């Protein structure tokens, strides 16, 4: 499954990055939400509280420039689709990085 929570690997691969301004934890949260997980499931998987989760969401909205969570997740879904295509065919995108 491409959208597993993996704190070490998700954001480190250059073809897989959603946005260079996001931290690894933020990228994981966005991928999990885009994959359909609830905020409660994400909090449990990352072992963070709801306040920390809300703080992460606010930081991501600021970095990405969206005003609500729905727009943020929609942005993430588009970026994930593109990143997954780059992971499937890295040779095609090698000269872009």
PDB file of N, CA and C in Angstrom:
ATOM      1  N   UNK A   1       0.832  -1.179   0.000  1.00  0.00           N
ATOM      2  CA  UNK A   1       0.000   0.000   0.000  1.00  0.00           C
ATOM      3  C   UNK A   1       0.877   1.243   0.000  1.00  0.00           C
ATOM      4  N   UNK A   2       0.613   2.202  -0.854  1.00  0.00           N
ATOM      5  CA  UNK A   2       1.465   3.362  -1.018  1.00  0.00           C
ATOM      6  C   UNK A   2       1.295   4.391   0.076  1.00  0.00           C
ATOM      7  N   UNK A   3       0.216   4.363   0.822  1.00  0.00           N
ATOM      8  CA  UNK A   3      -0.069   5.413   1.789  1.00  0.00           C
ATOM      9  C   UNK A   3       0.066   4.938   3.228  1.00  0.00           C
ATOM     10  N   UNK A   4       1.050   4.077   3.492  1.00  0.00           N
ATOM     11  CA  UNK A   4       1.275   3.617   4.852  1.00  0.00           C
ATOM     12  C   UNK A   4       1.972   4.704   5.659  1.00  0.00           C
ATOM     13  N   UNK A   5       1.719   4.708   6.953  1.00  0.00           N
ATOM     14  CA  UNK A   5       2.418   5.645   7.822  1.00  0.00           C
ATOM     15  C   UNK A   5       3.807   5.101   8.097  1.00  0.00           C
ATOM     16  N   UNK A   6       4.830   5.780   7.633  1.00  0.00           N
ATOM     17  CA  UNK A   6       6.198   5.378   7.861  1.00  0.00           C
ATOM     18  C   UNK A   6       7.008   6.639   8.134  1.00  0.00           C
ATOM     19  N   UNK A   7       7.300   6.901   9.387  1.00  0.00           N
ATOM     20  CA  UNK A   7       7.945   8.141   9.783  1.00  0.00           C
ATOM     21  C   UNK A   7       9.312   8.345   9.147  1.00  0.00           C
ATOM     22  N   UNK A   8      10.019   7.282   8.816  1.00  0.00           N
ATOM     23  CA  UNK A   8      11.379   7.420   8.320  1.00  0.00           C
ATOM     24  C   UNK A   8      11.484   7.586   6.818  1.00  0.00           C
ATOM     25  N   UNK A   9      10.596   6.986   6.058  1.00  0.00           N
ATOM     26  CA  UNK A   9      10.795   6.927   4.618  1.00  0.00           C
ATOM     27  C   UNK A   9       9.907   7.833   3.784  1.00  0.00           C
ATOM     28  N   UNK A  10       8.746   8.179   4.260  1.00  0.00           N
ATOM     29  CA  UNK A  10       7.778   8.850   3.395  1.00  0.00           C
ATOM     30  C   UNK A  10       8.301  10.129   2.776  1.00  0.00           C
ATOM     31  N   UNK A  11       8.916  10.980   3.556  1.00  0.00           N
ATOM     32  CA  UNK A  11       9.280  12.307   3.060  1.00  0.00           C
ATOM     33  C   UNK A  11      10.728  12.408   2.602  1.00  0.00           C
ATOM     34  N   UNK A  12      11.506  11.347   2.782  1.00  0.00           N
ATOM     35  CA  UNK A  12      12.934  11.442   2.496  1.00  0.00           C
ATOM     36  C   UNK A  12      13.271  11.270   1.019  1.00  0.00           C
ATOM     37  N   UNK A  13      12.488  10.535   0.280  1.00  0.00           N
ATOM     38  CA  UNK A  13      12.784  10.296  -1.129  1.00  0.00           C
ATOM     39  C   UNK A  13      12.414  11.512  -1.953  1.00  0.00           C
ATOM     40  N   UNK A  14      13.327  11.984  -2.783  1.00  0.00           N
ATOM     41  CA  UNK A  14      13.080  13.238  -3.508  1.00  0.00           C
ATOM     42  C   UNK A  14      11.893  13.156  -4.446  1.00  0.00           C
ATOM     43  N   UNK A  15      11.603  11.992  -5.006  1.00  0.00           N
ATOM     44  CA  UNK A  15      10.469  11.855  -5.920  1.00  0.00           C
ATOM     45  C   UNK A  15       9.141  11.828  -5.176  1.00  0.00           C
ATOM     46  N   UNK A  16       9.201  11.603  -3.883  1.00  0.00           N
ATOM     47  CA  UNK A  16       8.005  11.377  -3.082  1.00  0.00           C
ATOM     48  C   UNK A  16       7.559  12.619  -2.323  1.00  0.00           C
ATOM     49  N   UNK A  17       8.374  13.657  -2.332  1.00  0.00           N
ATOM     50  CA  UNK A  17       8.074  14.859  -1.554  1.00  0.00           C
ATOM     51  C   UNK A  17       6.819  15.546  -2.056  1.00  0.00           C
ATOM     52  N   UNK A  18       5.977  15.953  -1.134  1.00  0.00           N
ATOM     53  CA  UNK A  18       4.785  16.710  -1.495  1.00  0.00           C
ATOM     54  C   UNK A  18       5.135  18.181  -1.655  1.00  0.00           C
ATOM     55  N   UNK A  19       5.959  18.680  -0.764  1.00  0.00           N
ATOM     56  CA  UNK A  19       6.370  20.079  -0.800  1.00  0.00           C
ATOM     57  C   UNK A  19       7.618  20.198   0.071  1.00  0.00           C
ATOM     58  N   UNK A  20       8.630  20.904  -0.379  1.00  0.00           N
ATOM     59  CA  UNK A  20       9.873  20.975   0.396  1.00  0.00           C
ATOM     60  C   UNK A  20       9.744  21.711   1.726  1.00  0.00           C
ATOM     61  N   UNK A  21       8.707  22.512   1.897  1.00  0.00           N
ATOM     62  CA  UNK A  21       8.549  23.241   3.156  1.00  0.00           C
ATOM     63  C   UNK A  21       7.916  22.392   4.248  1.00  0.00           C
ATOM     64  N   UNK A  22       7.322  21.271   3.889  1.00  0.00           N
ATOM     65  CA  UNK A  22       6.675  20.408   4.880  1.00  0.00           C
ATOM     66  C   UNK A  22       7.699  19.565   5.619  1.00  0.00           C
ATOM     67  N   UNK A  23       7.474  19.383   6.898  1.00  0.00           N
ATOM     68  CA  UNK A  23       8.304  18.454   7.660  1.00  0.00           C
ATOM     69  C   UNK A  23       7.858  17.030   7.331  1.00  0.00           C
ATOM     70  N   UNK A  24       8.653  16.057   7.729  1.00  0.00           N
ATOM     71  CA  UNK A  24       8.281  14.668   7.498  1.00  0.00           C
ATOM     72  C   UNK A  24       6.979  14.304   8.174  1.00  0.00           C
ATOM     73  N   UNK A  25       6.799  14.775   9.392  1.00  0.00           N
ATOM     74  CA  UNK A  25       5.571  14.479  10.134  1.00  0.00           C
ATOM     75  C   UNK A  25       4.349  15.096   9.437  1.00  0.00           C
ATOM     76  N   UNK A  26       4.507  16.322   8.942  1.00  0.00           N
ATOM     77  CA  UNK A  26       3.401  16.970   8.235  1.00  0.00           C
ATOM     78  C   UNK A  26       3.043  16.210   6.964  1.00  0.00           C
ATOM     79  N   UNK A  27       4.050  15.760   6.240  1.00  0.00           N
ATOM     80  CA  UNK A  27       3.795  14.994   5.017  1.00  0.00           C
ATOM     81  C   UNK A  27       3.076  13.686   5.321  1.00  0.00           C
ATOM     82  N   UNK A  28       3.451  13.056   6.419  1.00  0.00           N
ATOM     83  CA  UNK A  28       2.805  11.806   6.803  1.00  0.00           C
ATOM     84  C   UNK A  28       1.340  12.045   7.150  1.00  0.00           C
ATOM     85  N   UNK A  29       1.075  13.116   7.888  1.00  0.00           N
ATOM     86  CA  UNK A  29      -0.300  13.444   8.242  1.00  0.00           C
ATOM     87  C   UNK A  29      -1.118  13.695   6.978  1.00  0.00           C
ATOM     88  N   UNK A  30      -0.581  14.459   6.052  1.00  0.00           N
ATOM     89  CA  UNK A  30      -1.323  14.734   4.816  1.00  0.00           C
ATOM     90  C   UNK A  30      -1.577  13.479   4.010  1.00  0.00           C
ATOM     91  N   UNK A  31      -0.578  12.623   3.897  1.00  0.00           N
ATOM     92  CA  UNK A  31      -0.773  11.372   3.154  1.00  0.00           C
ATOM     93  C   UNK A  31      -1.820  10.498   3.814  1.00  0.00           C
ATOM     94  N   UNK A  32      -1.799  10.436   5.139  1.00  0.00           N
ATOM     95  CA  UNK A  32      -2.779   9.618   5.855  1.00  0.00           C
ATOM     96  C   UNK A  32      -4.188  10.166   5.674  1.00  0.00           C
ATOM     97  N   UNK A  33      -4.354  11.478   5.782  1.00  0.00           N
ATOM     98  CA  UNK A  33      -5.672  12.081   5.589  1.00  0.00           C
ATOM     99  C   UNK A  33      -6.153  11.905   4.153  1.00  0.00           C
ATOM    100  N   UNK A  34      -5.254  12.063   3.197  1.00  0.00           N
ATOM    101  CA  UNK A  34      -5.625  11.890   1.799  1.00  0.00           C
ATOM    102  C   UNK A  34      -6.006  10.440   1.494  1.00  0.00           C
ATOM    103  N   UNK A  35      -5.442   9.515   2.267  1.00  0.00           N
ATOM    104  CA  UNK A  35      -5.767   8.094   2.082  1.00  0.00           C
ATOM    105  C   UNK A  35      -7.068   7.712   2.771  1.00  0.00           C
ATOM    106  N   UNK A  36      -7.684   8.676   3.485  1.00  0.00           N
ATOM    107  CA  UNK A  36      -8.984   8.407   4.089  1.00  0.00           C
ATOM    108  C   UNK A  36      -8.975   8.150   5.574  1.00  0.00           C
ATOM    109  N   UNK A  37      -7.823   8.289   6.217  1.00  0.00           N
ATOM    110  CA  UNK A  37      -7.787   8.075   7.657  1.00  0.00           C
ATOM    111  C   UNK A  37      -8.373   9.286   8.375  1.00  0.00           C
ATOM    112  N   UNK A  38      -8.956   9.043   9.524  1.00  0.00           N
ATOM    113  CA  UNK A  38      -9.535  10.121  10.316  1.00  0.00           C
ATOM    114  C   UNK A  38      -8.447  10.771  11.160  1.00  0.00           C
ATOM    115  N   UNK A  39      -8.751  11.943  11.678  1.00  0.00           N
ATOM    116  CA  UNK A  39      -7.782  12.619  12.539  1.00  0.00           C
ATOM    117  C   UNK A  39      -7.468  11.781  13.773  1.00  0.00           C
ATOM    118  N   UNK A  40      -8.445  11.099  14.299  1.00  0.00           N
ATOM    119  CA  UNK A  40      -8.232  10.236  15.467  1.00  0.00           C
ATOM    120  C   UNK A  40      -7.285   9.081  15.133  1.00  0.00           C
ATOM    121  N   UNK A  41      -7.448   8.481  13.959  1.00  0.00           N
ATOM    122  CA  UNK A  41      -6.561   7.391  13.539  1.00  0.00           C
ATOM    123  C   UNK A  41      -5.131   7.890  13.354  1.00  0.00           C
ATOM    124  N   UNK A  42      -4.996   9.072  12.780  1.00  0.00           N
ATOM    125  CA  UNK A  42      -3.664   9.651  12.574  1.00  0.00           C
ATOM    126  C   UNK A  42      -3.004   9.940  13.924  1.00  0.00           C
ATOM    127  N   UNK A  43      -3.748  10.527  14.828  1.00  0.00           N
ATOM    128  CA  UNK A  43      -3.211  10.820  16.166  1.00  0.00           C
ATOM    129  C   UNK A  43      -2.736   9.546  16.859  1.00  0.00           C
ATOM    130  N   UNK A  44      -3.526   8.507  16.754  1.00  0.00           N
ATOM    131  CA  UNK A  44      -3.165   7.242  17.388  1.00  0.00           C
ATOM    132  C   UNK A  44      -1.913   6.646  16.746  1.00  0.00           C
ATOM    133  N   UNK A  45      -1.845   6.659  15.415  1.00  0.00           N
ATOM    134  CA  UNK A  45      -0.696   6.084  14.710  1.00  0.00           C
ATOM    135  C   UNK A  45       0.594   6.852  14.997  1.00  0.00           C
ATOM    136  N   UNK A  46       0.488   8.169  15.098  1.00  0.00           N
ATOM    137  CA  UNK A  46       1.669   8.991  15.341  1.00  0.00           C
ATOM    138  C   UNK A  46       1.947   9.228  16.816  1.00  0.00           C
ATOM    139  N   UNK A  47       1.023   8.758  17.658  1.00  0.00           N
ATOM    140  CA  UNK A  47       1.145   8.936  19.106  1.00  0.00           C
ATOM    141  C   UNK A  47       1.245  10.423  19.471  1.00  0.00           C
ATOM    142  N   UNK A  48       0.316  11.198  18.922  1.00  0.00           N
ATOM    143  CA  UNK A  48       0.238  12.623  19.252  1.00  0.00           C
ATOM    144  C   UNK A  48      -1.175  12.930  19.737  1.00  0.00           C
ATOM    145  N   UNK A  49      -1.320  13.997  20.474  1.00  0.00           N
ATOM    146  CA  UNK A  49      -2.628  14.401  20.962  1.00  0.00           C
ATOM    147  C   UNK A  49      -3.367  15.249  19.951  1.00  0.00           C
ATOM    148  N   UNK A  50      -4.620  15.508  20.249  1.00  0.00           N
ATOM    149  CA  UNK A  50      -5.440  16.289  19.317  1.00  0.00           C
ATOM    150  C   UNK A  50      -4.946  17.729  19.191  1.00  0.00           C
ATOM    151  N   UNK A  51      -4.389  18.289  20.256  1.00  0.00           N
ATOM    152  CA  UNK A  51      -3.857  19.650  20.187  1.00  0.00           C
ATOM    153  C   UNK A  51      -2.656  19.713  19.247  1.00  0.00           C
ATOM    154  N   UNK A  52      -1.769  18.733  19.338  1.00  0.00           N
ATOM    155  CA  UNK A  52      -0.614  18.672  18.433  1.00  0.00           C
ATOM    156  C   UNK A  52      -1.071  18.483  16.999  1.00  0.00           C
ATOM    157  N   UNK A  53      -2.100  17.669  16.811  1.00  0.00           N
ATOM    158  CA  UNK A  53      -2.642  17.451  15.468  1.00  0.00           C
ATOM    159  C   UNK A  53      -3.187  18.765  14.893  1.00  0.00           C
ATOM    160  N   UNK A  54      -3.945  19.491  15.689  1.00  0.00           N
ATOM    161  CA  UNK A  54      -4.501  20.770  15.234  1.00  0.00           C
ATOM    162  C   UNK A  54      -3.398  21.774  14.927  1.00  0.00           C
ATOM    163  N   UNK A  55      -2.343  21.752  15.710  1.00  0.00           N
ATOM    164  CA  UNK A  55      -1.201  22.628  15.469  1.00  0.00           C
ATOM    165  C   UNK A  55      -0.531  22.275  14.131  1.00  0.00           C
ATOM    166  N   UNK A  56      -0.385  20.979  13.861  1.00  0.00           N
ATOM    167  CA  UNK A  56       0.178  20.539  12.585  1.00  0.00           C
ATOM    168  C   UNK A  56      -0.698  20.978  11.415  1.00  0.00           C
ATOM    169  N   UNK A  57      -1.995  20.815  11.557  1.00  0.00           N
ATOM    170  CA  UNK A  57      -2.912  21.210  10.491  1.00  0.00           C
ATOM    171  C   UNK A  57      -2.818  22.707  10.209  1.00  0.00           C
ATOM    172  N   UNK A  58      -2.762  23.506  11.270  1.00  0.00           N
ATOM    173  CA  UNK A  58      -2.666  24.959  11.104  1.00  0.00           C
ATOM    174  C   UNK A  58      -1.352  25.325  10.408  1.00  0.00           C
ATOM    175  N   UNK A  59      -0.256  24.689  10.809  1.00  0.00           N
ATOM    176  CA  UNK A  59       1.047  24.958  10.197  1.00  0.00           C
ATOM    177  C   UNK A  59       1.043  24.581   8.709  1.00  0.00           C
ATOM    178  N   UNK A  60       0.424  23.454   8.387  1.00  0.00           N
ATOM    179  CA  UNK A  60       0.374  23.024   6.983  1.00  0.00           C
ATOM    180  C   UNK A  60      -0.485  23.964   6.150  1.00  0.00           C
ATOM    181  N   UNK A  61      -1.621  24.385   6.694  1.00  0.00           N
ATOM    182  CA  UNK A  61      -2.472  25.328   5.962  1.00  0.00           C
ATOM    183  C   UNK A  61      -1.715  26.619   5.663  1.00  0.00           C
ATOM    184  N   UNK A  62      -0.942  27.083   6.621  1.00  0.00           N
ATOM    185  CA  UNK A  62      -0.150  28.296   6.433  1.00  0.00           C
ATOM    186  C   UNK A  62       0.918  28.092   5.358  1.00  0.00           C
ATOM    187  N   UNK A  63       1.643  26.991   5.433  1.00  0.00           N
ATOM    188  CA  UNK A  63       2.710  26.716   4.468  1.00  0.00           C
ATOM    189  C   UNK A  63       2.174  26.554   3.046  1.00  0.00           C
ATOM    190  N   UNK A  64       1.042  25.866   2.916  1.00  0.00           N
ATOM    191  CA  UNK A  64       0.488  25.578   1.597  1.00  0.00           C
ATOM    192  C   UNK A  64      -0.330  26.754   1.078  1.00  0.00           C
ATOM    193  N   UNK A  65      -0.878  27.535   1.977  1.00  0.00           N
ATOM    194  CA  UNK A  65      -1.655  28.704   1.573  1.00  0.00           C
ATOM    195  C   UNK A  65      -3.137  28.422   1.399  1.00  0.00           C
ATOM    196  N   UNK A  66      -3.635  27.440   2.126  1.00  0.00           N
ATOM    197  CA  UNK A  66      -5.067  27.152   2.081  1.00  0.00           C
ATOM    198  C   UNK A  66      -5.719  27.679   3.357  1.00  0.00           C
ATOM    199  N   UNK A  67      -7.027  27.834   3.303  1.00  0.00           N
ATOM    200  CA  UNK A  67      -7.724  28.387   4.467  1.00  0.00           C
ATOM    201  C   UNK A  67      -8.532  27.343   5.232  1.00  0.00           C
ATOM    202  N   UNK A  68      -8.687  26.142   4.656  1.00  0.00           N
ATOM    203  CA  UNK A  68      -9.468  25.111   5.349  1.00  0.00           C
ATOM    204  C   UNK A  68      -8.861  23.740   5.102  1.00  0.00           C
ATOM    205  N   UNK A  69      -9.257  22.793   5.938  1.00  0.00           N
ATOM    206  CA  UNK A  69      -8.697  21.442   5.879  1.00  0.00           C
ATOM    207  C   UNK A  69      -9.079  20.703   4.599  1.00  0.00           C
ATOM    208  N   UNK A  70     -10.266  20.943   4.094  1.00  0.00           N
ATOM    209  CA  UNK A  70     -10.711  20.256   2.872  1.00  0.00           C
ATOM    210  C   UNK A  70      -9.823  20.640   1.702  1.00  0.00           C
ATOM    211  N   UNK A  71      -9.535  21.912   1.568  1.00  0.00           N
ATOM    212  CA  UNK A  71      -8.643  22.372   0.495  1.00  0.00           C
ATOM    213  C   UNK A  71      -7.244  21.802   0.670  1.00  0.00           C
ATOM    214  N   UNK A  72      -6.791  21.704   1.903  1.00  0.00           N
ATOM    215  CA  UNK A  72      -5.472  21.151   2.181  1.00  0.00           C
ATOM    216  C   UNK A  72      -5.384  19.690   1.747  1.00  0.00           C
ATOM    217  N   UNK A  73      -6.399  18.906   2.093  1.00  0.00           N
ATOM    218  CA  UNK A  73      -6.404  17.483   1.711  1.00  0.00           C
ATOM    219  C   UNK A  73      -6.551  17.332   0.193  1.00  0.00           C
ATOM    220  N   UNK A  74      -7.353  18.177  -0.431  1.00  0.00           N
ATOM    221  CA  UNK A  74      -7.490  18.135  -1.898  1.00  0.00           C
ATOM    222  C   UNK A  74      -6.151  18.444  -2.558  1.00  0.00           C
ATOM    223  N   UNK A  75      -5.438  19.449  -2.047  1.00  0.00           N
ATOM    224  CA  UNK A  75      -4.106  19.777  -2.557  1.00  0.00           C
ATOM    225  C   UNK A  75      -3.179  18.569  -2.407  1.00  0.00           C
ATOM    226  N   UNK A  76      -3.246  17.928  -1.240  1.00  0.00           N
ATOM    227  CA  UNK A  76      -2.389  16.769  -0.983  1.00  0.00           C
ATOM    228  C   UNK A  76      -2.687  15.626  -1.944  1.00  0.00           C
ATOM    229  N   UNK A  77      -3.959  15.375  -2.223  1.00  0.00           N
ATOM    230  CA  UNK A  77      -4.321  14.285  -3.135  1.00  0.00           C
ATOM    231  C   UNK A  77      -3.731  14.512  -4.524  1.00  0.00           C
ATOM    232  N   UNK A  78      -3.769  15.741  -5.001  1.00  0.00           N
ATOM    233  CA  UNK A  78      -3.180  16.043  -6.309  1.00  0.00           C
ATOM    234  C   UNK A  78      -1.670  15.844  -6.285  1.00  0.00           C
ATOM    235  N   UNK A  79      -1.027  16.306  -5.228  1.00  0.00           N
ATOM    236  CA  UNK A  79       0.421  16.157  -5.115  1.00  0.00           C
ATOM    237  C   UNK A  79       0.823  14.692  -4.946  1.00  0.00           C
ATOM    238  N   UNK A  80       0.033  13.927  -4.198  1.00  0.00           N
ATOM    239  CA  UNK A  80       0.340  12.510  -3.993  1.00  0.00           C
ATOM    240  C   UNK A  80       0.253  11.757  -5.308  1.00  0.00           C
ATOM    241  N   UNK A  81      -0.764  12.059  -6.083  1.00  0.00           N
ATOM    242  CA  UNK A  81      -0.907  11.398  -7.386  1.00  0.00           C
ATOM    243  C   UNK A  81       0.327  11.661  -8.243  1.00  0.00           C
ATOM    244  N   UNK A  82       0.791  12.899  -8.268  1.00  0.00           N
ATOM    245  CA  UNK A  82       1.976  13.254  -9.036  1.00  0.00           C
ATOM    246  C   UNK A  82       3.222  12.575  -8.471  1.00  0.00           C
ATOM    247  N   UNK A  83       3.366  12.586  -7.143  1.00  0.00           N
ATOM    248  CA  UNK A  83       4.532  11.967  -6.508  1.00  0.00           C
ATOM    249  C   UNK A  83       4.557  10.464  -6.744  1.00  0.00           C
ATOM    250  N   UNK A  84       3.407   9.817  -6.685  1.00  0.00           N
ATOM    251  CA  UNK A  84       3.337   8.379  -6.926  1.00  0.00           C
ATOM    252  C   UNK A  84       3.723   8.047  -8.369  1.00  0.00           C
ATOM    253  N   UNK A  85       3.338   8.893  -9.306  1.00  0.00           N
ATOM    254  CA  UNK A  85       3.729   8.679 -10.698  1.00  0.00           C
ATOM    255  C   UNK A  85       5.238   8.817 -10.851  1.00  0.00           C
ATOM    256  N   UNK A  86       5.833   9.780 -10.146  1.00  0.00           N
ATOM    257  CA  UNK A  86       7.281   9.944 -10.199  1.00  0.00           C
ATOM    258  C   UNK A  86       7.991   8.753  -9.576  1.00  0.00           C
ATOM    259  N   UNK A  87       7.406   8.179  -8.513  1.00  0.00           N
ATOM    260  CA  UNK A  87       8.008   7.004  -7.886  1.00  0.00           C
ATOM    261  C   UNK A  87       7.932   5.796  -8.808  1.00  0.00           C
ATOM    262  N   UNK A  88       6.849   5.693  -9.565  1.00  0.00           N
ATOM    263  CA  UNK A  88       6.682   4.569 -10.473  1.00  0.00           C
ATOM    264  C   UNK A  88       7.626   4.657 -11.672  1.00  0.00           C
ATOM    265  N   UNK A  89       7.966   5.890 -12.084  1.00  0.00           N
ATOM    266  CA  UNK A  89       8.841   6.079 -13.246  1.00  0.00           C
ATOM    267  C   UNK A  89       9.894   7.153 -12.966  1.00  0.00           C
ATOM    268  N   UNK A  90      10.842   6.864 -12.049  1.00  0.00           N
ATOM    269  CA  UNK A  90      11.823   7.893 -11.683  1.00  0.00           C
ATOM    270  C   UNK A  90      12.732   8.316 -12.832  1.00  0.00           C
ATOM    271  N   UNK A  91      13.008   7.411 -13.773  1.00  0.00           N
ATOM    272  CA  UNK A  91      13.899   7.758 -14.890  1.00  0.00           C
ATOM    273  C   UNK A  91      13.311   8.873 -15.743  1.00  0.00           C
ATOM    274  N   UNK A  92      12.003   8.952 -15.799  1.00  0.00           N
ATOM    275  CA  UNK A  92      11.335   9.989 -16.602  1.00  0.00           C
ATOM    276  C   UNK A  92      11.475  11.371 -15.976  1.00  0.00           C
ATOM    277  N   UNK A  93      11.601  11.398 -14.658  1.00  0.00           N
ATOM    278  CA  UNK A  93      11.645  12.659 -13.937  1.00  0.00           C
ATOM    279  C   UNK A  93      13.048  13.006 -13.433  1.00  0.00           C
ATOM    280  N   UNK A  94      14.033  12.190 -13.729  1.00  0.00           N
ATOM    281  CA  UNK A  94      15.379  12.380 -13.185  1.00  0.00           C
ATOM    282  C   UNK A  94      15.960  13.739 -13.562  1.00  0.00           C
ATOM    283  N   UNK A  95      15.724  14.206 -14.765  1.00  0.00           N
ATOM    284  CA  UNK A  95      16.326  15.467 -15.183  1.00  0.00           C
ATOM    285  C   UNK A  95      15.571  16.676 -14.635  1.00  0.00           C
ATOM    286  N   UNK A  96      14.415  16.469 -14.003  1.00  0.00           N
ATOM    287  CA  UNK A  96      13.654  17.574 -13.444  1.00  0.00           C
ATOM    288  C   UNK A  96      14.123  17.965 -12.056  1.00  0.00           C
ATOM    289  N   UNK A  97      14.893  17.091 -11.406  1.00  0.00           N
ATOM    290  CA  UNK A  97      15.286  17.379 -10.034  1.00  0.00           C
ATOM    291  C   UNK A  97      16.661  18.001  -9.950  1.00  0.00           C
TER     292      UNK A  97
END
